[in-house]
Amino acid sequence: MDRIMNEVNAEREQLPKAAARALNTAARGYITDASREVRKRYPLLKLKDVRPLFEITQFASVASLQATITVRGRALSLVRFLVGQNVKQGSGGVYVSVRGGRKFIPHAWVQTLKTKQGDDYQVIFVREGKGRLPVKVLKTINIPNAVNIAEVYDVLETLISDRFDIEFERQLLLK
């Protein structure tokens, strides 16, 4: 009887450790799955544009069985989705492909700018009125909003729950 009680108590002590390990592994997997789903939805995005914006800010422990994932990021410049540019004299305009199909934006142009450090970067400008000014920079969705889109969120929710279940069972078998 004592042997059975000792085994039950030992297994009870292993549950929080296994849950914490499984949560941390599921959190790491969530980052991979989320970046993959966002890139599936926006095919011209690269992994280097998406992956660094995810961070596990709190890992799970035996004392706190909770892992927190934070997604940061500003609106992306539309130039990341640039497909082509109309270069005929006087016509102007750019072609972009945000979610598959090409779209023409008339009277827009690509401009190369410099940062204070001297690095070059490109943006797409479009005029807001009839005159030369004002102009505005065209931007698109930010990654936190891309993750919170209902279709993406639902897929990620099922993926992370499946990943946690598999990992929790695996951790329990490891002892």
N, C-alpha and C. Protein backbone atom coordinates (compact mmCIF):
# COMPACT_ATOMS: atom_id res chain seq x y z
N MET A 1 0.83 -1.20 0.00
CA MET A 1 0.00 0.00 0.00
C MET A 1 0.87 1.26 0.00
N ASP A 2 1.94 1.23 0.80
CA ASP A 2 2.82 2.39 0.86
C ASP A 2 3.50 2.64 -0.48
N ARG A 3 3.85 1.57 -1.17
CA ARG A 3 4.50 1.72 -2.48
C ARG A 3 3.56 2.40 -3.47
N ILE A 4 2.30 2.02 -3.46
CA ILE A 4 1.32 2.62 -4.38
C ILE A 4 1.13 4.10 -4.04
N MET A 5 1.04 4.43 -2.76
CA MET A 5 0.89 5.83 -2.34
C MET A 5 2.11 6.66 -2.75
N ASN A 6 3.29 6.08 -2.62
CA ASN A 6 4.51 6.79 -3.03
C ASN A 6 4.52 7.05 -4.53
N GLU A 7 4.08 6.07 -5.32
CA GLU A 7 4.01 6.25 -6.77
C GLU A 7 3.00 7.33 -7.15
N VAL A 8 1.85 7.34 -6.49
CA VAL A 8 0.83 8.35 -6.76
C VAL A 8 1.34 9.74 -6.39
N ASN A 9 1.99 9.87 -5.24
CA ASN A 9 2.55 11.16 -4.84
C ASN A 9 3.65 11.61 -5.78
N ALA A 10 4.49 10.70 -6.23
CA ALA A 10 5.55 11.04 -7.17
C ALA A 10 4.97 11.52 -8.50
N GLU A 11 3.91 10.83 -8.94
CA GLU A 11 3.27 11.24 -10.19
C GLU A 11 2.57 12.59 -10.04
N ARG A 12 2.00 12.84 -8.87
CA ARG A 12 1.33 14.12 -8.61
C ARG A 12 2.35 15.26 -8.63
N GLU A 13 3.58 15.01 -8.16
CA GLU A 13 4.62 16.03 -8.20
C GLU A 13 5.11 16.28 -9.62
N GLN A 14 5.02 15.27 -10.48
CA GLN A 14 5.49 15.40 -11.86
C GLN A 14 4.52 16.19 -12.74
N LEU A 15 3.24 16.22 -12.38
CA LEU A 15 2.24 16.90 -13.21
C LEU A 15 2.55 18.37 -13.46
N PRO A 16 2.83 19.18 -12.41
CA PRO A 16 3.13 20.59 -12.69
C PRO A 16 4.39 20.79 -13.53
N LYS A 17 5.41 19.96 -13.30
CA LYS A 17 6.64 20.08 -14.10
C LYS A 17 6.35 19.75 -15.57
N ALA A 18 5.61 18.69 -15.78
CA ALA A 18 5.27 18.30 -17.15
C ALA A 18 4.40 19.36 -17.82
N ALA A 19 3.46 19.93 -17.08
CA ALA A 19 2.60 20.97 -17.64
C ALA A 19 3.40 22.21 -18.00
N ALA A 20 4.34 22.60 -17.14
CA ALA A 20 5.16 23.79 -17.42
C ALA A 20 6.02 23.56 -18.66
N ARG A 21 6.64 22.40 -18.74
CA ARG A 21 7.47 22.09 -19.91
C ARG A 21 6.63 22.05 -21.19
N ALA A 22 5.46 21.46 -21.10
CA ALA A 22 4.58 21.36 -22.26
C ALA A 22 4.08 22.75 -22.68
N LEU A 23 3.77 23.60 -21.71
CA LEU A 23 3.34 24.97 -22.04
C LEU A 23 4.45 25.74 -22.74
N ASN A 24 5.68 25.63 -22.25
CA ASN A 24 6.79 26.35 -22.87
C ASN A 24 7.06 25.85 -24.28
N THR A 25 6.98 24.54 -24.47
CA THR A 25 7.17 23.99 -25.82
C THR A 25 6.03 24.42 -26.74
N ALA A 26 4.81 24.43 -26.23
CA ALA A 26 3.67 24.87 -27.04
C ALA A 26 3.79 26.35 -27.39
N ALA A 27 4.32 27.16 -26.47
CA ALA A 27 4.50 28.59 -26.74
C ALA A 27 5.53 28.79 -27.85
N ARG A 28 6.63 28.05 -27.80
CA ARG A 28 7.63 28.14 -28.87
C ARG A 28 7.02 27.69 -30.21
N GLY A 29 6.23 26.64 -30.15
CA GLY A 29 5.58 26.16 -31.36
C GLY A 29 4.55 27.14 -31.89
N TYR A 30 3.90 27.87 -30.99
CA TYR A 30 2.91 28.87 -31.41
C TYR A 30 3.58 29.95 -32.25
N ILE A 31 4.79 30.36 -31.85
CA ILE A 31 5.51 31.38 -32.62
C ILE A 31 5.78 30.87 -34.03
N THR A 32 6.22 29.63 -34.13
CA THR A 32 6.48 29.04 -35.44
C THR A 32 5.20 28.95 -36.26
N ASP A 33 4.14 28.45 -35.64
CA ASP A 33 2.87 28.30 -36.36
C ASP A 33 2.29 29.65 -36.77
N ALA A 34 2.37 30.63 -35.88
CA ALA A 34 1.81 31.96 -36.18
C ALA A 34 2.57 32.61 -37.33
N SER A 35 3.89 32.54 -37.31
CA SER A 35 4.64 33.14 -38.41
C SER A 35 4.36 32.41 -39.72
N ARG A 36 4.16 31.11 -39.65
CA ARG A 36 3.85 30.33 -40.85
C ARG A 36 2.46 30.71 -41.39
N GLU A 37 1.47 30.85 -40.50
CA GLU A 37 0.11 31.19 -40.94
C GLU A 37 0.04 32.61 -41.51
N VAL A 38 0.75 33.55 -40.89
CA VAL A 38 0.76 34.92 -41.40
C VAL A 38 1.41 34.96 -42.77
N ARG A 39 2.51 34.22 -42.94
CA ARG A 39 3.18 34.20 -44.25
C ARG A 39 2.37 33.45 -45.29
N LYS A 40 1.51 32.52 -44.85
CA LYS A 40 0.62 31.84 -45.78
C LYS A 40 -0.44 32.81 -46.30
N ARG A 41 -0.92 33.68 -45.41
CA ARG A 41 -1.95 34.65 -45.78
C ARG A 41 -1.37 35.81 -46.59
N TYR A 42 -0.13 36.21 -46.28
CA TYR A 42 0.55 37.30 -46.99
C TYR A 42 1.83 36.73 -47.59
N PRO A 43 1.76 36.15 -48.79
CA PRO A 43 2.86 35.36 -49.34
C PRO A 43 4.17 36.12 -49.58
N LEU A 44 4.12 37.42 -49.79
CA LEU A 44 5.35 38.15 -50.07
C LEU A 44 6.14 38.52 -48.82
N LEU A 45 5.57 38.28 -47.65
CA LEU A 45 6.32 38.53 -46.41
C LEU A 45 7.38 37.45 -46.23
N LYS A 46 8.50 37.84 -45.68
CA LYS A 46 9.57 36.90 -45.43
C LYS A 46 9.60 36.55 -43.94
N LEU A 47 10.22 35.44 -43.62
CA LEU A 47 10.33 35.00 -42.24
C LEU A 47 11.05 36.05 -41.39
N LYS A 48 12.07 36.69 -41.95
CA LYS A 48 12.82 37.69 -41.20
C LYS A 48 11.98 38.93 -40.90
N ASP A 49 10.89 39.13 -41.63
CA ASP A 49 9.99 40.25 -41.35
C ASP A 49 9.00 39.92 -40.24
N VAL A 50 8.71 38.64 -40.04
CA VAL A 50 7.64 38.24 -39.13
C VAL A 50 8.18 37.70 -37.81
N ARG A 51 9.10 36.78 -37.86
CA ARG A 51 9.55 36.03 -36.68
C ARG A 51 10.10 36.90 -35.55
N PRO A 52 10.91 37.92 -35.82
CA PRO A 52 11.45 38.73 -34.71
C PRO A 52 10.41 39.53 -33.93
N LEU A 53 9.20 39.65 -34.45
CA LEU A 53 8.16 40.42 -33.78
C LEU A 53 7.46 39.63 -32.67
N PHE A 54 7.69 38.32 -32.63
CA PHE A 54 7.12 37.46 -31.60
C PHE A 54 8.13 37.26 -30.48
N GLU A 55 7.64 37.25 -29.26
CA GLU A 55 8.52 37.05 -28.11
C GLU A 55 7.73 36.38 -26.98
N ILE A 56 8.36 35.42 -26.33
CA ILE A 56 7.76 34.82 -25.14
C ILE A 56 8.21 35.68 -23.97
N THR A 57 7.28 36.46 -23.42
CA THR A 57 7.64 37.40 -22.35
C THR A 57 7.58 36.76 -20.98
N GLN A 58 6.86 35.66 -20.85
CA GLN A 58 6.80 34.96 -19.57
C GLN A 58 6.71 33.47 -19.86
N PHE A 59 7.73 32.74 -19.39
CA PHE A 59 7.72 31.30 -19.53
C PHE A 59 6.94 30.69 -18.37
N ALA A 60 6.35 29.53 -18.60
CA ALA A 60 5.62 28.83 -17.56
C ALA A 60 6.60 28.20 -16.58
N SER A 61 6.21 28.14 -15.33
CA SER A 61 7.00 27.48 -14.30
C SER A 61 6.06 26.66 -13.44
N VAL A 62 6.62 25.91 -12.50
CA VAL A 62 5.79 25.10 -11.61
C VAL A 62 4.89 26.00 -10.78
N ALA A 63 5.42 27.16 -10.37
CA ALA A 63 4.64 28.10 -9.56
C ALA A 63 3.57 28.81 -10.37
N SER A 64 3.87 29.09 -11.64
CA SER A 64 2.93 29.82 -12.50
C SER A 64 2.77 29.06 -13.81
N LEU A 65 1.70 28.34 -13.96
CA LEU A 65 1.47 27.56 -15.17
C LEU A 65 0.81 28.43 -16.24
N GLN A 66 1.59 29.41 -16.69
CA GLN A 66 1.09 30.33 -17.71
C GLN A 66 2.28 30.83 -18.52
N ALA A 67 2.15 30.79 -19.82
CA ALA A 67 3.17 31.34 -20.73
C ALA A 67 2.53 32.49 -21.49
N THR A 68 3.27 33.57 -21.64
CA THR A 68 2.75 34.76 -22.31
C THR A 68 3.57 35.03 -23.57
N ILE A 69 2.88 35.19 -24.68
CA ILE A 69 3.52 35.50 -25.95
C ILE A 69 3.09 36.91 -26.34
N THR A 70 4.06 37.74 -26.67
CA THR A 70 3.78 39.12 -27.07
C THR A 70 4.16 39.29 -28.54
N VAL A 71 3.28 39.95 -29.28
CA VAL A 71 3.54 40.27 -30.68
C VAL A 71 3.58 41.78 -30.80
N ARG A 72 4.69 42.29 -31.26
CA ARG A 72 4.85 43.74 -31.42
C ARG A 72 5.02 44.06 -32.89
N GLY A 73 4.80 45.30 -33.24
CA GLY A 73 5.05 45.68 -34.62
C GLY A 73 4.19 46.83 -35.07
N ARG A 74 4.78 47.63 -35.93
CA ARG A 74 4.06 48.74 -36.55
C ARG A 74 3.47 48.28 -37.87
N ALA A 75 2.70 49.17 -38.46
CA ALA A 75 2.16 48.87 -39.79
C ALA A 75 3.31 48.74 -40.78
N LEU A 76 3.25 47.72 -41.61
CA LEU A 76 4.30 47.47 -42.59
C LEU A 76 4.15 48.40 -43.77
N SER A 77 5.27 48.81 -44.32
CA SER A 77 5.24 49.63 -45.52
C SER A 77 4.75 48.81 -46.69
N LEU A 78 3.97 49.42 -47.55
CA LEU A 78 3.41 48.72 -48.70
C LEU A 78 4.49 48.28 -49.69
N VAL A 79 5.69 48.86 -49.59
CA VAL A 79 6.77 48.52 -50.51
C VAL A 79 7.20 47.05 -50.34
N ARG A 80 6.90 46.44 -49.20
CA ARG A 80 7.23 45.02 -49.01
C ARG A 80 6.38 44.14 -49.91
N PHE A 81 5.30 44.67 -50.43
CA PHE A 81 4.41 43.90 -51.30
C PHE A 81 4.48 44.39 -52.74
N LEU A 82 5.51 45.16 -53.07
CA LEU A 82 5.67 45.74 -54.40
C LEU A 82 5.95 44.64 -55.42
N VAL A 83 5.20 44.69 -56.53
CA VAL A 83 5.37 43.71 -57.60
C VAL A 83 5.97 44.38 -58.82
N GLY A 84 5.52 45.58 -59.13
CA GLY A 84 6.02 46.27 -60.31
C GLY A 84 5.69 47.74 -60.26
N GLN A 85 6.25 48.46 -61.22
CA GLN A 85 6.05 49.90 -61.26
C GLN A 85 5.82 50.32 -62.70
N ASN A 86 4.86 51.20 -62.92
CA ASN A 86 4.58 51.73 -64.24
C ASN A 86 5.52 52.90 -64.47
N VAL A 87 6.44 52.76 -65.40
CA VAL A 87 7.47 53.79 -65.57
C VAL A 87 7.28 54.64 -66.81
N LYS A 88 6.11 54.57 -67.46
CA LYS A 88 5.86 55.42 -68.62
C LYS A 88 5.83 56.88 -68.20
N GLN A 89 6.33 57.75 -69.03
CA GLN A 89 6.39 59.17 -68.73
C GLN A 89 4.99 59.73 -68.46
N GLY A 90 4.82 60.31 -67.27
CA GLY A 90 3.57 60.98 -66.94
C GLY A 90 2.46 60.11 -66.41
N SER A 91 2.60 58.79 -66.49
CA SER A 91 1.48 57.96 -66.05
C SER A 91 1.63 57.56 -64.58
N GLY A 92 2.74 57.04 -64.16
CA GLY A 92 2.98 56.68 -62.76
C GLY A 92 2.05 55.61 -62.25
N GLY A 93 2.37 55.11 -61.11
CA GLY A 93 1.57 54.07 -60.48
C GLY A 93 2.43 52.86 -60.15
N VAL A 94 1.98 52.10 -59.17
CA VAL A 94 2.70 50.90 -58.77
C VAL A 94 1.73 49.73 -58.69
N TYR A 95 2.26 48.53 -58.84
CA TYR A 95 1.51 47.29 -58.67
C TYR A 95 1.95 46.64 -57.37
N VAL A 96 0.98 46.26 -56.55
CA VAL A 96 1.28 45.57 -55.30
C VAL A 96 0.46 44.28 -55.24
N SER A 97 0.95 43.35 -54.44
CA SER A 97 0.26 42.08 -54.25
C SER A 97 0.28 41.75 -52.77
N VAL A 98 -0.75 42.19 -52.05
CA VAL A 98 -0.79 41.99 -50.61
C VAL A 98 -1.28 40.58 -50.29
N ARG A 99 -2.39 40.16 -50.86
CA ARG A 99 -2.96 38.85 -50.56
C ARG A 99 -3.21 38.05 -51.83
N GLY A 100 -2.21 37.97 -52.66
CA GLY A 100 -2.37 37.17 -53.87
C GLY A 100 -2.44 38.02 -55.11
N GLY A 101 -3.63 38.45 -55.51
CA GLY A 101 -3.82 39.17 -56.76
C GLY A 101 -3.11 40.51 -56.81
N ARG A 102 -2.77 40.94 -58.01
CA ARG A 102 -2.10 42.23 -58.20
C ARG A 102 -3.12 43.35 -58.18
N LYS A 103 -2.70 44.48 -57.60
CA LYS A 103 -3.56 45.66 -57.58
C LYS A 103 -2.73 46.85 -58.04
N PHE A 104 -3.32 47.67 -58.90
CA PHE A 104 -2.65 48.87 -59.41
C PHE A 104 -3.07 50.06 -58.57
N ILE A 105 -2.09 50.82 -58.09
CA ILE A 105 -2.37 52.05 -57.35
C ILE A 105 -1.90 53.21 -58.23
N PRO A 106 -2.87 53.94 -58.84
CA PRO A 106 -2.48 55.02 -59.75
C PRO A 106 -1.86 56.20 -59.00
N HIS A 107 -1.00 56.91 -59.67
CA HIS A 107 -0.37 58.13 -59.17
C HIS A 107 0.50 57.88 -57.94
N ALA A 108 0.92 56.66 -57.73
CA ALA A 108 1.81 56.34 -56.61
C ALA A 108 3.20 56.12 -57.18
N TRP A 109 4.21 56.32 -56.35
CA TRP A 109 5.59 56.09 -56.78
C TRP A 109 6.43 55.59 -55.61
N VAL A 110 7.54 54.95 -55.97
CA VAL A 110 8.48 54.43 -54.98
C VAL A 110 9.59 55.44 -54.80
N GLN A 111 9.88 55.77 -53.57
CA GLN A 111 10.92 56.76 -53.27
C GLN A 111 11.92 56.12 -52.31
N THR A 112 13.20 56.33 -52.57
CA THR A 112 14.25 55.86 -51.68
C THR A 112 14.62 57.00 -50.74
N LEU A 113 14.57 56.73 -49.44
CA LEU A 113 14.89 57.72 -48.42
C LEU A 113 16.10 57.25 -47.62
N LYS A 114 16.66 58.14 -46.81
CA LYS A 114 17.79 57.80 -45.96
C LYS A 114 17.42 57.99 -44.49
N THR A 115 17.94 57.11 -43.65
CA THR A 115 17.78 57.28 -42.21
C THR A 115 18.87 58.21 -41.70
N LYS A 116 18.81 58.57 -40.43
CA LYS A 116 19.84 59.42 -39.84
C LYS A 116 21.20 58.74 -39.86
N GLN A 117 21.19 57.40 -39.82
CA GLN A 117 22.44 56.66 -39.84
C GLN A 117 23.00 56.52 -41.26
N GLY A 118 22.24 56.92 -42.26
CA GLY A 118 22.70 56.86 -43.63
C GLY A 118 22.24 55.64 -44.40
N ASP A 119 21.40 54.81 -43.80
CA ASP A 119 20.89 53.62 -44.48
C ASP A 119 19.77 54.01 -45.42
N ASP A 120 19.68 53.30 -46.53
CA ASP A 120 18.61 53.55 -47.50
C ASP A 120 17.41 52.64 -47.22
N TYR A 121 16.21 53.16 -47.43
CA TYR A 121 15.00 52.35 -47.38
C TYR A 121 14.01 52.95 -48.36
N GLN A 122 13.06 52.13 -48.79
CA GLN A 122 12.10 52.57 -49.78
C GLN A 122 10.70 52.65 -49.19
N VAL A 123 9.91 53.60 -49.69
CA VAL A 123 8.51 53.74 -49.32
C VAL A 123 7.71 54.05 -50.58
N ILE A 124 6.41 53.84 -50.49
CA ILE A 124 5.53 54.19 -51.60
C ILE A 124 4.72 55.42 -51.17
N PHE A 125 4.80 56.46 -51.97
CA PHE A 125 4.06 57.69 -51.73
C PHE A 125 2.90 57.79 -52.71
N VAL A 126 1.86 58.52 -52.29
CA VAL A 126 0.76 58.86 -53.17
C VAL A 126 0.30 60.27 -52.78
N ARG A 127 -0.11 61.04 -53.76
CA ARG A 127 -0.58 62.40 -53.49
C ARG A 127 -1.99 62.36 -52.92
N GLU A 128 -2.26 63.24 -51.97
CA GLU A 128 -3.59 63.29 -51.36
C GLU A 128 -4.51 64.29 -52.05
N GLY A 129 -3.96 65.29 -52.71
CA GLY A 129 -4.79 66.30 -53.36
C GLY A 129 -4.39 66.49 -54.81
N LYS A 130 -4.83 67.59 -55.36
CA LYS A 130 -4.52 67.89 -56.76
C LYS A 130 -3.11 68.46 -56.91
N GLY A 131 -2.61 69.17 -55.90
CA GLY A 131 -1.30 69.80 -55.99
C GLY A 131 -0.16 68.84 -55.68
N ARG A 132 1.05 69.41 -55.61
CA ARG A 132 2.22 68.61 -55.29
C ARG A 132 2.17 68.05 -53.88
N LEU A 133 1.66 68.84 -52.98
CA LEU A 133 1.59 68.44 -51.58
C LEU A 133 0.13 68.45 -51.14
N PRO A 134 -0.31 67.74 -50.19
CA PRO A 134 0.44 66.81 -49.35
C PRO A 134 0.57 65.43 -49.98
N VAL A 135 1.57 64.69 -49.55
CA VAL A 135 1.75 63.30 -49.95
C VAL A 135 1.70 62.43 -48.69
N LYS A 136 1.34 61.18 -48.88
CA LYS A 136 1.32 60.29 -47.71
C LYS A 136 2.01 58.97 -48.07
N VAL A 137 2.55 58.35 -47.05
CA VAL A 137 3.19 57.05 -47.20
C VAL A 137 2.11 55.98 -47.08
N LEU A 138 2.10 55.03 -48.00
CA LEU A 138 1.12 53.96 -47.96
C LEU A 138 1.64 52.82 -47.09
N LYS A 139 0.81 52.41 -46.15
CA LYS A 139 1.16 51.32 -45.25
C LYS A 139 0.09 50.26 -45.33
N THR A 140 0.39 49.10 -44.77
CA THR A 140 -0.55 47.99 -44.78
C THR A 140 -0.71 47.46 -43.36
N ILE A 141 -1.17 46.28 -43.21
CA ILE A 141 -1.49 45.69 -41.90
C ILE A 141 -0.23 45.50 -41.05
N ASN A 142 -0.41 45.51 -39.72
CA ASN A 142 0.70 45.17 -38.84
C ASN A 142 0.55 43.71 -38.42
N ILE A 143 1.63 43.11 -37.97
CA ILE A 143 1.63 41.68 -37.66
C ILE A 143 0.71 41.33 -36.49
N PRO A 144 0.65 42.14 -35.40
CA PRO A 144 -0.31 41.80 -34.34
C PRO A 144 -1.75 41.70 -34.85
N ASN A 145 -2.15 42.59 -35.73
CA ASN A 145 -3.51 42.51 -36.29
C ASN A 145 -3.65 41.32 -37.23
N ALA A 146 -2.58 40.98 -37.94
CA ALA A 146 -2.63 39.83 -38.85
C ALA A 146 -2.84 38.54 -38.08
N VAL A 147 -2.27 38.45 -36.86
CA VAL A 147 -2.46 37.25 -36.04
C VAL A 147 -3.87 37.21 -35.47
N ASN A 148 -4.47 38.37 -35.20
CA ASN A 148 -5.79 38.42 -34.58
C ASN A 148 -6.95 38.33 -35.57
N ILE A 149 -6.68 38.18 -36.84
CA ILE A 149 -7.74 37.96 -37.82
C ILE A 149 -8.42 36.63 -37.47
N ALA A 150 -9.72 36.60 -37.51
CA ALA A 150 -10.49 35.46 -37.01
C ALA A 150 -10.05 34.13 -37.60
N GLU A 151 -9.83 34.06 -38.93
CA GLU A 151 -9.46 32.79 -39.55
C GLU A 151 -8.09 32.33 -39.06
N VAL A 152 -7.14 33.25 -38.97
CA VAL A 152 -5.79 32.90 -38.51
C VAL A 152 -5.84 32.51 -37.04
N TYR A 153 -6.58 33.26 -36.25
CA TYR A 153 -6.66 33.00 -34.81
C TYR A 153 -7.26 31.63 -34.52
N ASP A 154 -8.31 31.26 -35.26
CA ASP A 154 -8.94 29.96 -35.06
C ASP A 154 -7.99 28.81 -35.39
N VAL A 155 -7.26 28.96 -36.49
CA VAL A 155 -6.28 27.92 -36.87
C VAL A 155 -5.20 27.80 -35.80
N LEU A 156 -4.70 28.94 -35.33
CA LEU A 156 -3.64 28.92 -34.32
C LEU A 156 -4.12 28.33 -33.00
N GLU A 157 -5.37 28.60 -32.66
CA GLU A 157 -5.92 28.07 -31.41
C GLU A 157 -5.97 26.54 -31.44
N THR A 158 -6.40 25.98 -32.56
CA THR A 158 -6.44 24.51 -32.64
C THR A 158 -5.03 23.93 -32.69
N LEU A 159 -4.12 24.59 -33.40
CA LEU A 159 -2.75 24.09 -33.48
C LEU A 159 -2.07 24.08 -32.11
N ILE A 160 -2.24 25.15 -31.34
CA ILE A 160 -1.56 25.21 -30.04
C ILE A 160 -2.18 24.23 -29.04
N SER A 161 -3.48 24.03 -29.09
CA SER A 161 -4.09 23.07 -28.15
C SER A 161 -3.66 21.65 -28.50
N ASP A 162 -3.59 21.32 -29.79
CA ASP A 162 -3.11 19.99 -30.19
C ASP A 162 -1.65 19.80 -29.79
N ARG A 163 -0.85 20.84 -30.01
CA ARG A 163 0.57 20.75 -29.67
C ARG A 163 0.75 20.57 -28.16
N PHE A 164 -0.05 21.29 -27.37
CA PHE A 164 0.07 21.15 -25.91
C PHE A 164 -0.32 19.74 -25.47
N ASP A 165 -1.41 19.21 -26.00
CA ASP A 165 -1.85 17.87 -25.61
C ASP A 165 -0.78 16.82 -25.91
N ILE A 166 -0.21 16.88 -27.10
CA ILE A 166 0.82 15.92 -27.49
C ILE A 166 2.05 16.07 -26.60
N GLU A 167 2.46 17.31 -26.37
CA GLU A 167 3.67 17.55 -25.57
C GLU A 167 3.46 17.19 -24.10
N PHE A 168 2.27 17.43 -23.58
CA PHE A 168 1.99 17.09 -22.18
C PHE A 168 2.07 15.58 -21.97
N GLU A 169 1.48 14.81 -22.88
CA GLU A 169 1.57 13.36 -22.79
C GLU A 169 3.02 12.90 -22.88
N ARG A 170 3.78 13.52 -23.77
CA ARG A 170 5.19 13.15 -23.93
C ARG A 170 5.99 13.45 -22.67
N GLN A 171 5.73 14.59 -22.04
CA GLN A 171 6.43 14.95 -20.82
C GLN A 171 6.07 14.02 -19.66
N LEU A 172 4.82 13.58 -19.62
CA LEU A 172 4.41 12.64 -18.55
C LEU A 172 5.11 11.30 -18.71
N LEU A 173 5.34 10.88 -19.95
CA LEU A 173 6.03 9.61 -20.19
C LEU A 173 7.52 9.69 -19.85
N LEU A 174 8.09 10.90 -19.93
CA LEU A 174 9.52 11.07 -19.64
C LEU A 174 9.84 10.86 -18.16
N LYS A 175 8.95 11.33 -17.31
CA LYS A 175 9.12 11.32 -15.84
C LYS A 175 10.41 11.95 -15.51
